[in-house]
Amino acid sequence: MPLPANGMAAVEYGLAEYQHTLAERDRIADALRQAEDRHRLAVAEVEMRDRTIAELHRRVAELEADRDRKVGDFAVMETLFMSIRAQLDAFLKLPNTGEETPPKKPEETIST
């Protein structure tokens, strides 16, 4: 028994809508795959930058610790040199003018 004309039109319309829905589904699935790919790339980039930032934080901490050690070493040497200066001042009884005395020329130190 053949379908009436309006029944055939309804079936054709249903098939056309189904094909349109399948095409829309495929388009949306493709857009989803592209979005997931972009998301994976963005996550990888963020992780790479996080590793770089963590490495920079570690390096800054190392440099700060090195600076602190060097400041401590400088303070020790400064104290040592001040002590030596005080001992020399006491031993040589040099007047303290607040200025460094220029070194004597070699001719002036040799007595003839």
Protein backbone atom coordinates (compact mmCIF):
# COMPACT_ATOMS: atom_id res chain seq x y z
CA MET A 1 0.00 0.00 0.00
CA PRO A 2 1.58 3.23 -1.16
CA LEU A 3 1.69 6.29 1.08
CA PRO A 4 -0.50 9.24 0.35
CA ALA A 5 1.21 12.38 -0.94
CA ASN A 6 1.09 14.17 2.40
CA GLY A 7 2.48 11.06 4.11
CA MET A 8 5.33 10.91 1.60
CA ALA A 9 6.01 14.62 2.16
CA ALA A 10 6.07 14.01 5.91
CA VAL A 11 8.58 11.17 5.52
CA GLU A 12 10.77 13.27 3.22
CA TYR A 13 10.60 16.18 5.63
CA GLY A 14 11.53 13.86 8.51
CA LEU A 15 14.49 12.44 6.57
CA ALA A 16 15.65 15.93 5.61
CA GLU A 17 15.44 17.06 9.25
CA TYR A 18 17.32 13.92 10.36
CA GLN A 19 20.10 14.55 7.82
CA HIS A 20 20.25 18.19 8.88
CA THR A 21 20.48 17.09 12.53
CA LEU A 22 23.28 14.62 11.69
CA ALA A 23 25.19 17.33 9.82
CA GLU A 24 24.72 19.73 12.76
CA ARG A 25 25.89 17.00 15.17
CA ASP A 26 29.02 16.40 13.06
CA ARG A 27 29.72 20.14 12.87
CA ILE A 28 29.33 20.54 16.63
CA ALA A 29 31.47 17.44 17.28
CA ASP A 30 34.20 18.89 15.06
CA ALA A 31 33.98 22.25 16.85
CA LEU A 32 34.24 20.38 20.18
CA ARG A 33 37.35 18.52 19.02
CA GLN A 34 38.93 21.79 17.92
CA ALA A 35 38.05 23.42 21.25
CA GLU A 36 39.50 20.44 23.15
CA ASP A 37 42.69 20.67 21.08
CA ARG A 38 42.99 24.40 21.84
CA HIS A 39 42.34 23.65 25.51
CA ARG A 40 45.07 20.98 25.62
CA LEU A 41 47.52 23.38 23.97
CA ALA A 42 46.59 26.15 26.41
CA VAL A 43 47.00 23.80 29.39
CA ALA A 44 50.40 22.68 28.08
CA GLU A 45 51.46 26.32 27.64
CA VAL A 46 50.30 27.23 31.15
CA GLU A 47 52.17 24.25 32.62
CA MET A 48 55.30 25.22 30.70
CA ARG A 49 55.06 28.78 32.00
CA ASP A 50 54.41 27.52 35.53
CA ARG A 51 57.58 25.42 35.32
CA THR A 52 59.51 28.43 34.04
CA ILE A 53 58.14 30.61 36.83
CA ALA A 54 58.97 27.96 39.43
CA GLU A 55 62.52 27.73 38.05
CA LEU A 56 62.85 31.52 38.20
CA HIS A 57 61.59 31.55 41.80
CA ARG A 58 64.16 28.86 42.68
CA ARG A 59 66.93 30.83 40.98
CA VAL A 60 65.92 34.05 42.76
CA ALA A 61 65.99 32.20 46.09
CA GLU A 62 69.48 30.87 45.28
CA LEU A 63 70.72 34.33 44.35
CA GLU A 64 69.20 35.89 47.47
CA ALA A 65 70.90 33.24 49.63
CA ASP A 66 74.19 33.89 47.82
CA ARG A 67 73.78 37.64 48.33
CA ASP A 68 73.06 37.11 52.03
CA ARG A 69 76.20 34.97 52.38
CA LYS A 70 78.28 37.61 50.62
CA VAL A 71 76.86 40.40 52.78
CA GLY A 72 77.74 38.33 55.84
CA ASP A 73 81.25 37.73 54.50
CA PHE A 74 81.61 41.45 53.82
CA ALA A 75 80.55 42.28 57.38
CA VAL A 76 83.13 39.83 58.75
CA MET A 77 85.88 41.27 56.56
CA GLU A 78 84.87 44.83 57.40
CA THR A 79 85.06 44.00 61.10
CA LEU A 80 88.43 42.31 60.61
CA PHE A 81 89.86 45.28 58.72
CA MET A 82 88.49 47.71 61.30
CA SER A 83 90.19 45.65 64.01
CA ILE A 84 93.46 45.63 62.09
CA ARG A 85 93.15 49.37 61.52
CA ALA A 86 92.54 49.93 65.23
CA GLN A 87 95.58 47.83 66.10
CA LEU A 88 97.74 49.70 63.59
CA ASP A 89 96.47 53.04 64.86
CA ALA A 90 97.25 52.02 68.42
CA PHE A 91 100.67 50.68 67.50
CA LEU A 92 101.73 53.47 65.20
CA LYS A 93 99.93 56.27 67.03
CA LEU A 94 98.87 57.87 63.75
CA PRO A 95 96.64 60.91 63.95
CA ASN A 96 93.13 60.09 62.81
CA THR A 97 92.23 62.71 60.22
CA GLY A 98 89.26 60.81 58.88
CA GLU A 99 90.96 60.56 55.50
CA GLU A 100 93.04 57.81 54.11
CA THR A 101 96.70 58.73 54.01
CA PRO A 102 98.15 58.37 50.53
CA PRO A 103 100.89 55.79 50.26
CA LYS A 104 104.39 57.14 50.20
CA LYS A 105 106.37 57.05 47.03
CA PRO A 106 109.19 54.50 47.00
CA GLU A 107 111.79 57.30 46.96
CA GLU A 108 110.45 58.74 50.23
CA THR A 109 110.62 55.43 52.10
CA ILE A 110 114.25 54.75 51.31
CA SER A 111 116.52 56.60 53.73
CA THR A 112 120.01 57.42 52.47
